[in-house]
C-alpha atoms as a PDB file:
ATOM      1  CA  MET A   1      19.154  -5.234   1.103  1.00  0.00           C
ATOM      2  CA  ILE A   2      19.374  -9.030   0.020  1.00  0.00           C
ATOM      3  CA  VAL A   3      20.309 -10.219  -3.625  1.00  0.00           C
ATOM      4  CA  SER A   4      19.888 -13.979  -4.372  1.00  0.00           C
ATOM      5  CA  MET A   5      22.715 -14.981  -6.707  1.00  0.00           C
ATOM      6  CA  PHE A   6      22.456 -18.180  -8.844  1.00  0.00           C
ATOM      7  CA  GLY A   7      24.976 -19.930 -10.948  1.00  0.00           C
ATOM      8  CA  THR A   8      23.049 -21.589 -14.318  1.00  0.00           C
ATOM      9  CA  HIS A   9      23.871 -24.428 -16.399  1.00  0.00           C
ATOM     10  CA  MET A  10      22.230 -25.982 -19.579  1.00  0.00           C
ATOM     11  CA  VAL A  11      20.104 -29.437 -18.955  1.00  0.00           C
ATOM     12  CA  THR A  12      21.264 -31.729 -21.657  1.00  0.00           C
ATOM     13  CA  LYS A  13      19.243 -34.842 -20.865  1.00  0.00           C
ATOM     14  CA  GLY A  14      15.502 -35.426 -19.844  1.00  0.00           C
ATOM     15  CA  GLU A  15      12.271 -33.455 -20.050  1.00  0.00           C
ATOM     16  CA  LYS A  16      13.816 -30.175 -19.864  1.00  0.00           C
ATOM     17  CA  ALA A  17      16.717 -30.620 -22.319  1.00  0.00           C
ATOM     18  CA  GLY A  18      18.064 -27.238 -23.533  1.00  0.00           C
ATOM     19  CA  GLU A  19      16.305 -25.124 -20.548  1.00  0.00           C
ATOM     20  CA  ILE A  20      18.843 -22.902 -18.554  1.00  0.00           C
ATOM     21  CA  VAL A  21      18.245 -23.818 -14.905  1.00  0.00           C
ATOM     22  CA  PRO A  22      19.814 -22.665 -11.543  1.00  0.00           C
ATOM     23  CA  GLY A  23      22.842 -24.715 -10.982  1.00  0.00           C
ATOM     24  CA  PHE A  24      22.642 -24.549  -7.109  1.00  0.00           C
ATOM     25  CA  ARG A  25      20.599 -23.021  -4.448  1.00  0.00           C
ATOM     26  CA  PRO A  26      20.873 -19.410  -4.067  1.00  0.00           C
ATOM     27  CA  TYR A  27      23.805 -17.488  -2.775  1.00  0.00           C
ATOM     28  CA  ARG A  28      22.247 -14.905  -0.217  1.00  0.00           C
ATOM     29  CA  ALA A  29      24.175 -11.725  -0.639  1.00  0.00           C
ATOM     30  CA  ARG A  30      23.389  -8.827   1.708  1.00  0.00           C
ATOM     31  CA  CYS A  31      24.714  -5.508   0.313  1.00  0.00           C
ATOM     32  CA  GLY A  32      24.021  -1.842  -0.254  1.00  0.00           C
ATOM     33  CA  TRP A  33      22.374  -0.548  -3.407  1.00  0.00           C
ATOM     34  CA  GLY A  34      25.794   1.045  -4.341  1.00  0.00           C
ATOM     35  CA  GLU A  35      27.432  -2.073  -4.024  1.00  0.00           C
ATOM     36  CA  PHE A  36      24.811  -4.006  -6.258  1.00  0.00           C
ATOM     37  CA  VAL A  37      25.515  -1.111  -8.728  1.00  0.00           C
ATOM     38  CA  ASP A  38      29.051  -1.550  -8.932  1.00  0.00           C
ATOM     39  CA  MET A  39      28.546  -5.265  -9.354  1.00  0.00           C
ATOM     40  CA  LEU A  40      26.410  -4.761 -12.234  1.00  0.00           C
ATOM     41  CA  ARG A  41      28.554  -2.397 -13.864  1.00  0.00           C
ATOM     42  CA  THR A  42      31.599  -4.462 -13.578  1.00  0.00           C
ATOM     43  CA  ALA A  43      29.381  -7.630 -15.237  1.00  0.00           C
ATOM     44  CA  SER A  44      28.246  -5.174 -18.118  1.00  0.00           C
ATOM     45  CA  LYS A  45      31.869  -4.802 -19.301  1.00  0.00           C
ATOM     46  CA  VAL A  46      32.480  -8.663 -19.769  1.00  0.00           C
ATOM     47  CA  GLU A  47      32.345  -9.388 -23.536  1.00  0.00           C
ATOM     48  CA  THR A  48      29.990 -12.635 -23.988  1.00  0.00           C
ATOM     49  CA  ASP A  49      28.180 -14.398 -26.786  1.00  0.00           C
ATOM     50  CA  PRO A  50      24.602 -14.750 -26.167  1.00  0.00           C
ATOM     51  CA  ALA A  51      25.064 -18.441 -26.938  1.00  0.00           C
ATOM     52  CA  ASP A  52      26.997 -18.647 -23.391  1.00  0.00           C
ATOM     53  CA  LYS A  53      24.440 -17.238 -21.146  1.00  0.00           C
ATOM     54  CA  VAL A  54      24.784 -20.446 -19.436  1.00  0.00           C
ATOM     55  CA  ARG A  55      28.278 -19.100 -18.078  1.00  0.00           C
ATOM     56  CA  THR A  56      26.829 -16.123 -16.761  1.00  0.00           C
ATOM     57  CA  TYR A  57      25.371 -15.504 -13.308  1.00  0.00           C
ATOM     58  CA  ALA A  58      21.791 -15.004 -12.569  1.00  0.00           C
ATOM     59  CA  ILE A  59      19.908 -12.892  -9.840  1.00  0.00           C
ATOM     60  CA  SER A  60      16.849 -12.743  -8.021  1.00  0.00           C
ATOM     61  CA  MET A  61      15.009 -10.157  -6.175  1.00  0.00           C
ATOM     62  CA  ALA A  62      13.410 -12.545  -3.703  1.00  0.00           C
ATOM     63  CA  GLU A  63      14.935 -13.641  -0.447  1.00  0.00           C
ATOM     64  CA  PHE A  64      14.524 -17.353  -0.129  1.00  0.00           C
ATOM     65  CA  GLU A  65      13.859 -19.341   2.917  1.00  0.00           C
ATOM     66  CA  GLU A  66      17.253 -20.959   4.178  1.00  0.00           C
ATOM     67  CA  GLY A  67      18.027 -23.960   2.399  1.00  0.00           C
ATOM     68  CA  ARG A  68      15.404 -23.946  -0.226  1.00  0.00           C
ATOM     69  CA  ASN A  69      15.832 -23.464  -3.968  1.00  0.00           C
ATOM     70  CA  ARG A  70      14.262 -20.839  -5.928  1.00  0.00           C
ATOM     71  CA  GLY A  71      10.643 -20.880  -6.000  1.00  0.00           C
ATOM     72  CA  ASN A  72       7.498 -18.588  -5.291  1.00  0.00           C
ATOM     73  CA  ASP A  73       6.605 -20.944  -2.254  1.00  0.00           C
ATOM     74  CA  PHE A  74       9.802 -20.215  -0.670  1.00  0.00           C
ATOM     75  CA  ALA A  75       9.959 -16.577  -1.198  1.00  0.00           C
ATOM     76  CA  LEU A  76      10.482 -14.324   2.054  1.00  0.00           C
ATOM     77  CA  GLY A  77      10.002 -10.997   0.359  1.00  0.00           C
ATOM     78  CA  ALA A  78      11.924  -8.501  -1.880  1.00  0.00           C
ATOM     79  CA  ASP A  79      13.920  -5.194  -0.812  1.00  0.00           C
ATOM     80  CA  TRP A  80      14.242  -4.405  -4.668  1.00  0.00           C
ATOM     81  CA  VAL A  81      12.086  -4.868  -7.912  1.00  0.00           C
ATOM     82  CA  GLY A  82      13.432  -6.003 -11.526  1.00  0.00           C
ATOM     83  CA  LEU A  83      11.088  -5.648 -14.481  1.00  0.00           C
ATOM     84  CA  ASP A  84      11.798  -6.347 -18.210  1.00  0.00           C
ATOM     85  CA  ILE A  85      10.372  -3.877 -20.815  1.00  0.00           C
ATOM     86  CA  ASP A  86      10.915  -5.247 -24.451  1.00  0.00           C
ATOM     87  CA  ASN A  87      10.082  -4.019 -28.002  1.00  0.00           C
ATOM     88  CA  LYS A  88      11.648  -6.989 -29.663  1.00  0.00           C
ATOM     89  CA  ASP A  89       9.912  -6.782 -32.876  1.00  0.00           C
ATOM     90  CA  GLY A  90       9.993  -3.168 -32.950  1.00  0.00           C
ATOM     91  CA  THR A  91       6.234  -2.802 -33.752  1.00  0.00           C
ATOM     92  CA  ASP A  92       5.296  -0.853 -30.543  1.00  0.00           C
ATOM     93  CA  PRO A  93       4.956   2.667 -31.492  1.00  0.00           C
ATOM     94  CA  ASP A  94       4.732   3.932 -27.985  1.00  0.00           C
ATOM     95  CA  ALA A  95       7.506   1.813 -26.661  1.00  0.00           C
ATOM     96  CA  TRP A  96       9.953   3.068 -23.913  1.00  0.00           C
ATOM     97  CA  THR A  97      13.598   3.368 -25.218  1.00  0.00           C
ATOM     98  CA  VAL A  98      16.370   3.238 -22.809  1.00  0.00           C
ATOM     99  CA  ASP A  99      17.014   7.034 -22.879  1.00  0.00           C
ATOM    100  CA  GLY A 100      13.286   7.699 -22.797  1.00  0.00           C
ATOM    101  CA  LEU A 101      12.774   5.716 -19.686  1.00  0.00           C
ATOM    102  CA  ALA A 102      15.995   7.063 -17.933  1.00  0.00           C
ATOM    103  CA  GLU A 103      14.870  10.764 -18.617  1.00  0.00           C
ATOM    104  CA  TRP A 104      11.463   9.904 -17.239  1.00  0.00           C
ATOM    105  CA  LEU A 105      12.670   8.133 -14.195  1.00  0.00           C
ATOM    106  CA  ASP A 106      15.128  11.021 -13.719  1.00  0.00           C
ATOM    107  CA  GLY A 107      11.977  13.206 -13.482  1.00  0.00           C
ATOM    108  CA  GLU A 108      10.371  10.935 -10.846  1.00  0.00           C
ATOM    109  CA  GLY A 109      13.314  11.335  -8.938  1.00  0.00           C
ATOM    110  CA  VAL A 110      13.862   7.528  -8.200  1.00  0.00           C
ATOM    111  CA  THR A 111      17.040   5.436  -7.930  1.00  0.00           C
ATOM    112  CA  TYR A 112      17.312   2.883 -10.769  1.00  0.00           C
ATOM    113  CA  VAL A 113      19.456   0.939 -13.067  1.00  0.00           C
ATOM    114  CA  ILE A 114      18.496   0.165 -16.713  1.00  0.00           C
ATOM    115  CA  TYR A 115      20.605  -2.379 -18.768  1.00  0.00           C
ATOM    116  CA  THR A 116      19.851  -3.956 -22.106  1.00  0.00           C
ATOM    117  CA  THR A 117      19.623  -7.710 -22.668  1.00  0.00           C
ATOM    118  CA  ALA A 118      21.014  -9.995 -25.367  1.00  0.00           C
ATOM    119  CA  SER A 119      17.962  -9.510 -27.304  1.00  0.00           C
ATOM    120  CA  SER A 120      18.304  -5.567 -27.610  1.00  0.00           C
ATOM    121  CA  ARG A 121      18.924  -3.912 -31.197  1.00  0.00           C
ATOM    122  CA  VAL A 122      18.617  -0.452 -32.281  1.00  0.00           C
ATOM    123  CA  GLY A 123      15.064   0.661 -32.793  1.00  0.00           C
ATOM    124  CA  ARG A 124      14.294  -2.803 -30.997  1.00  0.00           C
ATOM    125  CA  GLU A 125      15.261  -2.020 -27.401  1.00  0.00           C
ATOM    126  CA  CYS A 126      14.872  -4.870 -24.797  1.00  0.00           C
ATOM    127  CA  MET A 127      15.884  -3.719 -21.512  1.00  0.00           C
ATOM    128  CA  ARG A 128      15.852  -4.254 -17.644  1.00  0.00           C
ATOM    129  CA  LEU A 129      14.765  -1.817 -15.019  1.00  0.00           C
ATOM    130  CA  LEU A 130      15.929  -2.552 -11.558  1.00  0.00           C
ATOM    131  CA  MET A 131      14.838  -0.278  -8.500  1.00  0.00           C
ATOM    132  CA  PRO A 132      15.450  -0.362  -4.494  1.00  0.00           C
ATOM    133  CA  LEU A 133      12.100  -0.277  -2.425  1.00  0.00           C
ATOM    134  CA  SER A 134      11.148   2.027   0.349  1.00  0.00           C
ATOM    135  CA  GLU A 135      10.314  -1.061   2.218  1.00  0.00           C
ATOM    136  CA  ARG A 136      10.062  -4.926   1.730  1.00  0.00           C
ATOM    137  CA  VAL A 137       7.201  -6.100  -0.093  1.00  0.00           C
ATOM    138  CA  GLY A 138       6.178  -9.727   0.773  1.00  0.00           C
ATOM    139  CA  PRO A 139       4.987 -12.762  -1.510  1.00  0.00           C
ATOM    140  CA  LEU A 140       1.229 -12.161  -0.570  1.00  0.00           C
ATOM    141  CA  GLU A 141       1.236  -8.800  -1.838  1.00  0.00           C
ATOM    142  CA  TRP A 142       3.898  -9.216  -4.596  1.00  0.00           C
ATOM    143  CA  THR A 143       1.328  -9.683  -7.592  1.00  0.00           C
ATOM    144  CA  THR A 144      -0.565  -6.636  -6.621  1.00  0.00           C
ATOM    145  CA  PHE A 145       2.546  -4.582  -6.282  1.00  0.00           C
ATOM    146  CA  TRP A 146       3.649  -5.672  -9.901  1.00  0.00           C
ATOM    147  CA  ILE A 147       0.369  -4.599 -11.414  1.00  0.00           C
ATOM    148  CA  GLY A 148       0.876  -1.075  -9.746  1.00  0.00           C
ATOM    149  CA  CYS A 149       4.475  -1.258 -11.408  1.00  0.00           C
ATOM    150  CA  ASN A 150       3.095  -1.954 -14.699  1.00  0.00           C
ATOM    151  CA  GLU A 151       0.210   0.855 -14.353  1.00  0.00           C
ATOM    152  CA  TRP A 152       3.098   3.384 -13.639  1.00  0.00           C
ATOM    153  CA  LEU A 153       5.312   2.222 -16.576  1.00  0.00           C
ATOM    154  CA  ARG A 154       2.366   2.578 -18.939  1.00  0.00           C
ATOM    155  CA  GLY A 155       1.622  -1.137 -19.254  1.00  0.00           C
ATOM    156  CA  LYS A 156       4.828  -1.906 -20.955  1.00  0.00           C
ATOM    157  CA  VAL A 157       6.225  -4.614 -18.490  1.00  0.00           C
ATOM    158  CA  ASP A 158       6.761  -7.962 -19.660  1.00  0.00           C
ATOM    159  CA  GLN A 159       4.188 -10.337 -18.060  1.00  0.00           C
ATOM    160  CA  GLN A 160       6.695 -13.011 -17.586  1.00  0.00           C
ATOM    161  CA  THR A 161       8.570 -10.944 -14.919  1.00  0.00           C
ATOM    162  CA  LYS A 162       5.696 -10.848 -12.508  1.00  0.00           C
ATOM    163  CA  ASP A 163       6.618 -13.594 -10.050  1.00  0.00           C
ATOM    164  CA  ILE A 164       8.758 -12.636  -7.088  1.00  0.00           C
ATOM    165  CA  ALA A 165      10.956 -15.454  -7.837  1.00  0.00           C
ATOM    166  CA  ARG A 166      11.825 -14.523 -11.293  1.00  0.00           C
ATOM    167  CA  LEU A 167      15.380 -14.925 -12.436  1.00  0.00           C
ATOM    168  CA  PHE A 168      17.413 -12.358 -14.377  1.00  0.00           C
ATOM    169  CA  PHE A 169      20.640 -12.743 -16.103  1.00  0.00           C
ATOM    170  CA  GLU A 170      23.296 -10.237 -15.133  1.00  0.00           C
ATOM    171  CA  PRO A 171      24.058  -7.474 -17.537  1.00  0.00           C
ATOM    172  CA  ARG A 172      26.861  -8.494 -20.061  1.00  0.00           C
ATOM    173  CA  LYS A 173      28.621  -6.574 -23.326  1.00  0.00           C
ATOM    174  CA  TRP A 174      26.620  -9.208 -25.520  1.00  0.00           C
ATOM    175  CA  ILE A 175      28.061  -9.795 -28.888  1.00  0.00           C
ATOM    176  CA  GLY A 176      25.803  -8.272 -31.678  1.00  0.00           C
ATOM    177  CA  ALA A 177      23.445  -6.594 -29.361  1.00  0.00           C
ATOM    178  CA  ASP A 178      23.120  -2.856 -28.712  1.00  0.00           C
ATOM    179  CA  ASN A 179      24.599  -2.758 -25.316  1.00  0.00           C
ATOM    180  CA  ARG A 180      23.313   0.038 -23.035  1.00  0.00           C
ATOM    181  CA  PHE A 181      24.029   0.538 -19.168  1.00  0.00           C
ATOM    182  CA  ILE A 182      22.829   3.528 -17.251  1.00  0.00           C
ATOM    183  CA  ALA A 183      22.706   3.817 -13.263  1.00  0.00           C
ATOM    184  CA  SER A 184      21.144   6.674 -11.966  1.00  0.00           C
ATOM    185  CA  PRO A 185      22.680   8.506  -8.681  1.00  0.00           C
ATOM    186  CA  GLU A 186      21.399   7.154  -5.580  1.00  0.00           C
ATOM    187  CA  ARG A 187      18.294   9.120  -4.638  1.00  0.00           C
ATOM    188  CA  ARG A 188      14.963   7.795  -3.343  1.00  0.00           C
ATOM    189  CA  PRO A 189      13.779   4.532  -3.647  1.00  0.00           C
ATOM    190  CA  LEU A 190      10.414   3.356  -5.348  1.00  0.00           C
ATOM    191  CA  ASP A 191       7.723   4.434  -2.953  1.00  0.00           C
ATOM    192  CA  VAL A 192       5.933   1.208  -2.252  1.00  0.00           C
ATOM    193  CA  ASP A 193       2.823   2.721  -0.902  1.00  0.00           C
ATOM    194  CA  ALA A 194       2.475   4.840  -3.937  1.00  0.00           C
ATOM    195  CA  VAL A 195       2.867   2.057  -6.332  1.00  0.00           C
ATOM    196  CA  PHE A 196      -0.133   0.286  -4.518  1.00  0.00           C
ATOM    197  CA  ALA A 197      -2.240   3.216  -4.957  1.00  0.00           C
ATOM    198  CA  LEU A 198      -2.009   3.037  -8.693  1.00  0.00           C
ATOM    199  CA  VAL A 199      -3.486  -0.638  -8.764  1.00  0.00           C
ATOM    200  CA  PRO A 200      -6.852  -0.529 -10.603  1.00  0.00           C
ATOM    201  CA  PRO A 201      -9.750  -1.729  -8.419  1.00  0.00           C
ATOM    202  CA  ALA A 202     -10.701  -5.002  -8.983  1.00  0.00           C
ATOM    203  CA  PRO A 203     -14.031  -5.757 -10.183  1.00  0.00           C
ATOM    204  CA  VAL A 204     -16.368  -5.948  -7.087  1.00  0.00           C
ATOM    205  CA  LYS A 205     -19.789  -7.471  -7.122  1.00  0.00           C
ATOM    206  CA  VAL A 206     -22.231  -4.896  -5.669  1.00  0.00           C
ATOM    207  CA  ALA A 207     -24.987  -6.184  -3.409  1.00  0.00           C
ATOM    208  CA  ALA A 208     -28.041  -6.872  -5.188  1.00  0.00           C
ATOM    209  CA  THR A 209     -30.018  -4.393  -3.267  1.00  0.00           C
ATOM    210  CA  SER A 210     -28.719  -0.905  -2.884  1.00  0.00           C
ATOM    211  CA  VAL A 211     -26.689  -0.331   0.179  1.00  0.00           C
ATOM    212  CA  ASP A 212     -27.050   2.826   2.321  1.00  0.00           C
ATOM    213  CA  VAL A 213     -23.663   3.160   3.240  1.00  0.00           C
ATOM    214  CA  ALA A 214     -24.016   5.397   6.223  1.00  0.00           C
ATOM    215  CA  SER A 215     -26.278   3.279   7.980  1.00  0.00           C
ATOM    216  CA  ALA A 216     -24.192   0.272   7.283  1.00  0.00           C
ATOM    217  CA  ARG A 217     -21.283   2.001   8.765  1.00  0.00           C
ATOM    218  CA  ALA A 218     -23.316   3.027  12.006  1.00  0.00           C
ATOM    219  CA  ARG A 219     -24.607  -0.634  12.146  1.00  0.00           C
ATOM    220  CA  MET A 220     -21.328  -2.209  11.924  1.00  0.00           C
ATOM    221  CA  ALA A 221     -19.686   0.452  14.383  1.00  0.00           C
ATOM    222  CA  ASP A 222     -22.315  -0.303  17.139  1.00  0.00           C
ATOM    223  CA  LYS A 223     -21.709  -4.347  16.658  1.00  0.00           C
ATOM    224  CA  MET A 224     -17.971  -3.650  16.815  1.00  0.00           C
ATOM    225  CA  LEU A 225     -18.567  -1.194  20.021  1.00  0.00           C
ATOM    226  CA  VAL A 226     -16.800   1.682  18.104  1.00  0.00           C
ATOM    227  CA  GLU A 227     -17.920   5.095  18.386  1.00  0.00           C
ATOM    228  CA  GLY A 228     -18.940   6.978  15.371  1.00  0.00           C
ATOM    229  CA  ASP A 229     -19.158   5.552  11.683  1.00  0.00           C
ATOM    230  CA  LEU A 230     -15.983   3.493  11.421  1.00  0.00           C
ATOM    231  CA  ALA A 231     -13.957   6.543  10.639  1.00  0.00           C
ATOM    232  CA  CYS A 232     -11.395   5.738  13.166  1.00  0.00           C
ATOM    233  CA  LEU A 233     -10.576   2.415  11.122  1.00  0.00           C
ATOM    234  CA  GLU A 234      -9.752   4.279   8.154  1.00  0.00           C
ATOM    235  CA  THR A 235      -6.823   5.863   9.868  1.00  0.00           C
ATOM    236  CA  SER A 236      -5.287   2.618  10.778  1.00  0.00           C
ATOM    237  CA  PRO A 237      -1.987   1.928   9.244  1.00  0.00           C
ATOM    238  CA  ILE A 238      -2.822  -1.714   8.390  1.00  0.00           C
ATOM    239  CA  ILE A 239      -6.316  -0.918   6.577  1.00  0.00           C
ATOM    240  CA  PRO A 240      -5.976  -0.229   3.001  1.00  0.00           C
ATOM    241  CA  ALA A 241      -7.505   2.895   1.330  1.00  0.00           C
ATOM    242  CA  GLY A 242     -11.411   2.362   0.556  1.00  0.00           C
ATOM    243  CA  ALA A 243     -11.496  -1.467   2.365  1.00  0.00           C
ATOM    244  CA  VAL A 244     -13.983  -0.527   4.719  1.00  0.00           C
ATOM    245  CA  GLU A 245     -16.374   0.816   2.320  1.00  0.00           C
ATOM    246  CA  LYS A 246     -15.761  -1.839  -0.213  1.00  0.00           C
ATOM    247  CA  ALA A 247     -16.604  -4.462   2.523  1.00  0.00           C
ATOM    248  CA  LEU A 248     -19.717  -2.719   3.498  1.00  0.00           C
ATOM    249  CA  MET A 249     -21.002  -2.526  -0.226  1.00  0.00           C
ATOM    250  CA  ALA A 250     -19.888  -6.179  -1.090  1.00  0.00           C
ATOM    251  CA  PRO A 251     -22.701  -8.779  -1.012  1.00  0.00           C
ATOM    252  CA  LYS A 252     -22.830 -11.133   1.984  1.00  0.00           C
ATOM    253  CA  GLY A 253     -20.509 -14.237   2.087  1.00  0.00           C
ATOM    254  CA  GLY A 254     -16.808 -13.694   2.652  1.00  0.00           C
ATOM    255  CA  ARG A 255     -16.478 -10.066   2.647  1.00  0.00           C
ATOM    256  CA  LEU A 256     -15.166  -9.989   6.265  1.00  0.00           C
ATOM    257  CA  TRP A 257     -12.864 -12.718   5.400  1.00  0.00           C
ATOM    258  CA  ARG A 258     -11.438 -10.757   2.257  1.00  0.00           C
ATOM    259  CA  PHE A 259     -11.199  -7.484   4.405  1.00  0.00           C
ATOM    260  CA  LEU A 260      -9.171  -9.163   7.096  1.00  0.00           C
ATOM    261  CA  CYS A 261      -6.888 -10.866   4.631  1.00  0.00           C
ATOM    262  CA  ALA A 262      -6.135  -7.583   2.815  1.00  0.00           C
ATOM    263  CA  CYS A 263      -5.668  -6.027   6.674  1.00  0.00           C
ATOM    264  CA  SER A 264      -3.182  -8.744   7.540  1.00  0.00           C
ATOM    265  CA  ALA A 265      -1.121  -8.648   4.162  1.00  0.00           C
ATOM    266  CA  ARG A 266      -0.492  -4.883   4.756  1.00  0.00           C
ATOM    267  CA  ALA A 267       0.387  -5.523   8.702  1.00  0.00           C
ATOM    268  CA  ILE A 268       2.884  -8.116   7.448  1.00  0.00           C
ATOM    269  CA  ARG A 269       4.370  -5.848   4.696  1.00  0.00           C
ATOM    270  CA  LYS A 270       4.706  -3.170   7.560  1.00  0.00           C
ATOM    271  CA  ASN A 271       6.016  -5.435  10.189  1.00  0.00           C
ATOM    272  CA  ILE A 272       3.023  -4.653  12.553  1.00  0.00           C
ATOM    273  CA  ALA A 273       2.250  -7.210  15.017  1.00  0.00           C
ATOM    274  CA  VAL A 274      -1.298  -8.017  15.002  1.00  0.00           C
ATOM    275  CA  THR A 275      -2.884 -10.308  17.530  1.00  0.00           C
ATOM    276  CA  ALA A 276      -6.381 -11.541  17.901  1.00  0.00           C
END
């Protein structure tokens, strides 16, 4: 797996004065999950004043193009996911706690690391969840994947962590904070396909006139010189579940293009070569 690592520094002049920014291009570290966890655990024992965040390292789940700075446009994909879950003001009656989340994840049987951030306090926990993925997720599908993760975690994920190029501070023993670090045994990674299956269907405009799906399937099969009613397409590893019927029921105008884009993104994620 790939971990992108950054040094950070505080901007002192100009429009972004006071903002914490990457100090240099990412160092691309190739490591196993166990090595990554050991690095994080060691970092979590370093006592640090929150005012000195700029002296810590930051990590990103994305692998970036060689020679490029951090940015969504330069992300190649991610082998692990990082998600922030915060109850900073303590007003969410159904908020995850560190122990509650760890217990639930243990029940799910997934591999994870949870560590608290500098803002975490007793009763107002702010945490970061990191998990390895069953397969790499590319930039084209990342937003959809993040939505699935948020569904899985009861809608409690910080919206600001939805970008694949998101930067996370390493754990520290923050002075004044309620510091926690939990690493599970190395079990199974988060199932990417299962997460995608949790994504709520996007609102779809249905054709103004009712559609006889069976007839539409037969007509399309005839045009494509496919025997039957397109059932063979639904067993293809590059076609998302329900995509065929969704395309048939959508109003004319771009529906085939959207269908092909969805299939192409899935093929890229699964490293399946597609030729025209």
